[in-house]
Amino acid sequence: MLFYLKKRLSDPRIELPVYVRITVSKISKEISVQRSWSPTCWNAETGRAIVKKKALSINAKPRSNGQNQEEMVISMDDQARALKAYLDTLQAKVFEAKHRLIESGKPVTAEAIKNIVQGKDDKGYRPHLIVEIFQYHNDQVKALIGSEYSKGTLTKFTTVFKHTSTFLQWKYKQDDIDIRKLDYEFITELEFWYKSINAVTTTRL
């Protein structure tokens, strides 16, 4: 398997989507990991983000956005480490999927591994999970801060995301749920939870 940046544009300053390629018997399948990274900070051989932590002057001048150079490097460092941890986890899921196929006596193919990693059943159906969709939406908003959204908007979406995740644990004892299972009962129960359990009024949502 290999993690790589899928080229779309030639400009090295533009972040590219990260994909994982799973190959079995010379047949490959690709999966988007729903993350993006800069080509200038990517190691193609290791399939991981490059951590560029540089020694900077303590008296580094702040930039126009109020963030000094040292803070920007540390922030980039943290993001690179977070991406590495995420890809390591996904890699472990791929190995686990292969092991499950072997244990069950099913054919080990790139397509089968891909389906397991994506949570699909034997027919290739993949549930549309509300928390996963919400997180993807928030990631898109974060990427567009300054151009289409403000930090305050992202903060509001993040707060609702956390409340929704907590509600799913409280009501269903699950980390996520198929969005097609949402019905009127779910909406009323969520409203009840906001008002009584979490003491949040609807005007704050």
Protein backbone atom coordinates (compact mmCIF):
# COMPACT_ATOMS: atom_id res chain seq x y z
CA MET A 1 0.00 0.00 0.00
CA LEU A 2 1.09 3.57 -0.63
CA PHE A 3 -0.04 7.00 0.51
CA TYR A 4 0.43 9.69 -2.10
CA LEU A 5 -0.73 13.12 -3.22
CA LYS A 6 -3.05 13.02 -6.22
CA LYS A 7 -1.83 15.60 -8.71
CA ARG A 8 -4.42 18.00 -10.07
CA LEU A 9 -2.60 21.29 -10.46
CA SER A 10 1.03 22.08 -11.18
CA ASP A 11 1.31 24.88 -8.61
CA PRO A 12 3.37 23.42 -5.69
CA ARG A 13 1.84 25.97 -3.31
CA ILE A 14 -1.61 24.40 -3.63
CA GLU A 15 -2.45 21.52 -1.30
CA LEU A 16 -3.32 18.24 -2.99
CA PRO A 17 -5.67 15.50 -1.77
CA VAL A 18 -4.05 12.54 -0.03
CA TYR A 19 -4.94 9.08 -1.37
CA VAL A 20 -4.00 5.55 -0.40
CA ARG A 21 -3.36 2.93 -3.09
CA ILE A 22 -4.01 -0.69 -2.12
CA THR A 23 -2.47 -3.26 -4.43
CA VAL A 24 -3.10 -7.03 -4.41
CA SER A 25 -1.85 -9.29 -7.21
CA LYS A 26 -1.00 -6.24 -9.35
CA ILE A 27 -4.57 -4.94 -9.11
CA SER A 28 -4.87 -1.57 -7.36
CA LYS A 29 -7.71 0.37 -5.76
CA GLU A 30 -7.56 3.95 -4.52
CA ILE A 31 -9.21 5.57 -1.52
CA SER A 32 -9.34 9.27 -0.68
CA VAL A 33 -8.37 9.79 2.96
CA GLN A 34 -10.27 13.11 3.06
CA ARG A 35 -7.13 15.06 3.85
CA SER A 36 -4.90 17.37 1.81
CA TRP A 37 -1.25 18.42 2.08
CA SER A 38 1.35 20.61 0.41
CA PRO A 39 3.59 18.87 -2.18
CA THR A 40 6.57 20.85 -0.88
CA CYS A 41 6.19 19.21 2.55
CA TRP A 42 5.54 15.64 1.41
CA ASN A 43 7.96 12.69 1.29
CA ALA A 44 6.92 10.53 -1.67
CA GLU A 45 9.15 7.63 -0.57
CA THR A 46 7.70 7.29 2.94
CA GLY A 47 4.22 8.46 1.96
CA ARG A 48 4.11 10.85 4.88
CA ALA A 49 4.18 14.59 5.57
CA ILE A 50 7.58 16.12 6.26
CA VAL A 51 8.03 17.68 9.66
CA LYS A 52 9.95 20.91 9.11
CA LYS A 53 10.77 22.29 12.51
CA LYS A 54 13.36 25.01 12.15
CA ALA A 55 15.35 26.95 14.68
CA LEU A 56 13.98 30.48 14.57
CA SER A 57 14.95 33.69 16.29
CA ILE A 58 13.07 34.38 19.50
CA ASN A 59 12.59 37.92 18.25
CA ALA A 60 10.93 36.80 15.03
CA LYS A 61 8.71 39.55 13.69
CA PRO A 62 4.97 38.88 13.57
CA ARG A 63 3.30 38.64 10.19
CA SER A 64 0.34 40.71 9.08
CA ASN A 65 -2.08 38.16 10.53
CA GLY A 66 -0.54 38.60 13.99
CA GLN A 67 1.13 35.16 14.00
CA ASN A 68 4.92 35.12 14.22
CA GLN A 69 7.16 32.77 12.26
CA GLU A 70 7.87 30.49 15.21
CA GLU A 71 4.16 29.95 15.86
CA MET A 72 3.59 29.15 12.17
CA VAL A 73 6.36 26.52 12.12
CA ILE A 74 5.13 24.86 15.31
CA SER A 75 1.59 24.87 13.93
CA MET A 76 2.81 23.20 10.71
CA ASP A 77 4.77 20.72 12.79
CA ASP A 78 1.65 19.79 14.77
CA GLN A 79 -0.40 19.40 11.60
CA ALA A 80 2.23 17.12 10.06
CA ARG A 81 2.31 14.93 13.16
CA ALA A 82 -1.49 14.79 13.26
CA LEU A 83 -1.61 13.74 9.59
CA LYS A 84 1.05 11.07 10.20
CA ALA A 85 -0.93 9.65 13.12
CA TYR A 86 -4.08 9.59 11.00
CA LEU A 87 -2.35 7.79 8.12
CA ASP A 88 -0.76 5.31 10.55
CA THR A 89 -4.23 4.50 11.86
CA LEU A 90 -5.59 4.04 8.34
CA GLN A 91 -2.64 1.80 7.46
CA ALA A 92 -3.44 -0.36 10.50
CA LYS A 93 -7.06 -0.63 9.28
CA VAL A 94 -5.84 -1.88 5.89
CA PHE A 95 -3.71 -4.59 7.54
CA GLU A 96 -6.62 -5.51 9.82
CA ALA A 97 -8.95 -5.79 6.83
CA LYS A 98 -6.53 -8.15 5.11
CA HIS A 99 -6.30 -10.25 8.27
CA ARG A 100 -10.11 -10.43 8.55
CA LEU A 101 -10.40 -11.70 4.98
CA ILE A 102 -7.79 -14.38 5.62
CA GLU A 103 -9.42 -15.44 8.90
CA SER A 104 -12.85 -15.70 7.23
CA GLY A 105 -11.48 -17.67 4.28
CA LYS A 106 -12.61 -15.03 1.78
CA PRO A 107 -10.55 -14.00 -1.24
CA VAL A 108 -8.04 -11.27 -0.44
CA THR A 109 -8.47 -8.63 -3.13
CA ALA A 110 -7.82 -4.92 -3.28
CA GLU A 111 -11.56 -4.32 -3.75
CA ALA A 112 -12.45 -6.43 -0.70
CA ILE A 113 -9.91 -4.63 1.48
CA LYS A 114 -11.17 -1.27 0.22
CA ASN A 115 -14.76 -2.19 1.07
CA ILE A 116 -13.86 -3.21 4.62
CA VAL A 117 -11.80 -0.07 5.22
CA GLN A 118 -14.67 2.09 3.97
CA GLY A 119 -17.19 0.18 6.06
CA LYS A 120 -19.05 -1.33 3.12
CA ASP A 121 -20.83 -4.65 3.26
CA ASP A 122 -20.37 -7.57 0.85
CA LYS A 123 -22.57 -5.80 -1.73
CA GLY A 124 -20.42 -2.69 -1.65
CA TYR A 125 -22.94 -0.57 0.27
CA ARG A 126 -21.38 2.05 2.49
CA PRO A 127 -23.44 3.78 5.20
CA HIS A 128 -23.54 7.57 5.04
CA LEU A 129 -22.48 8.41 8.60
CA ILE A 130 -23.61 11.70 10.09
CA VAL A 131 -20.49 12.42 12.17
CA GLU A 132 -18.22 11.57 9.24
CA ILE A 133 -20.19 13.85 6.92
CA PHE A 134 -20.23 16.61 9.53
CA GLN A 135 -16.45 16.34 10.01
CA TYR A 136 -15.88 16.48 6.26
CA HIS A 137 -18.06 19.59 6.07
CA ASN A 138 -16.11 21.25 8.90
CA ASP A 139 -12.80 20.40 7.23
CA GLN A 140 -14.03 22.14 4.08
CA VAL A 141 -15.11 25.19 6.07
CA LYS A 142 -11.70 25.29 7.78
CA ALA A 143 -9.94 25.22 4.41
CA LEU A 144 -12.02 28.19 3.22
CA ILE A 145 -11.49 30.44 6.24
CA GLY A 146 -10.59 33.90 5.05
CA SER A 147 -12.15 33.46 1.63
CA GLU A 148 -15.70 32.24 2.26
CA TYR A 149 -15.96 31.65 6.01
CA SER A 150 -14.79 33.30 9.23
CA LYS A 151 -13.19 31.63 12.26
CA GLY A 152 -16.37 32.39 14.20
CA THR A 153 -18.43 30.34 11.75
CA LEU A 154 -16.06 27.39 12.10
CA THR A 155 -16.28 27.67 15.90
CA LYS A 156 -20.08 27.43 15.74
CA PHE A 157 -19.98 24.41 13.43
CA THR A 158 -17.38 22.75 15.68
CA THR A 159 -19.55 23.30 18.75
CA VAL A 160 -22.60 21.76 17.08
CA PHE A 161 -20.42 18.86 15.88
CA LYS A 162 -19.28 18.14 19.46
CA HIS A 163 -22.83 18.36 20.80
CA THR A 164 -24.12 15.99 18.13
CA SER A 165 -21.35 13.45 18.82
CA THR A 166 -22.12 13.56 22.55
CA PHE A 167 -25.84 13.11 21.84
CA LEU A 168 -25.20 9.98 19.78
CA GLN A 169 -23.24 8.49 22.67
CA TRP A 170 -25.97 9.42 25.14
CA LYS A 171 -28.93 8.22 23.07
CA TYR A 172 -27.56 5.36 20.94
CA LYS A 173 -24.28 4.45 22.67
CA GLN A 174 -22.63 4.79 19.24
CA ASP A 175 -19.87 6.96 17.80
CA ASP A 176 -21.78 7.45 14.55
CA ILE A 177 -25.04 6.56 12.81
CA ASP A 178 -26.25 6.15 9.23
CA ILE A 179 -27.86 9.42 8.15
CA ARG A 180 -30.67 7.47 6.50
CA LYS A 181 -31.77 6.31 9.92
CA LEU A 182 -32.49 9.87 11.00
CA ASP A 183 -36.21 10.51 11.39
CA TYR A 184 -38.65 12.72 13.26
CA GLU A 185 -37.93 10.87 16.50
CA PHE A 186 -34.22 11.62 16.16
CA ILE A 187 -34.91 15.34 15.67
CA THR A 188 -37.25 15.57 18.67
CA GLU A 189 -34.88 13.57 20.88
CA LEU A 190 -31.98 15.79 19.85
CA GLU A 191 -34.00 18.91 20.64
CA PHE A 192 -34.96 17.42 24.02
CA TRP A 193 -31.32 16.65 24.79
CA TYR A 194 -30.22 20.17 23.94
CA LYS A 195 -32.93 21.70 26.14
CA SER A 196 -32.84 19.42 29.18
CA ILE A 197 -29.71 17.26 29.36
CA ASN A 198 -27.24 19.74 27.92
CA ALA A 199 -29.11 22.87 29.02
CA VAL A 200 -28.80 24.50 25.61
CA THR A 201 -31.63 26.61 24.21
CA THR A 202 -32.60 26.32 20.56
CA THR A 203 -31.63 29.96 20.00
CA ARG A 204 -27.98 29.02 20.54
CA LEU A 205 -27.94 26.29 17.86
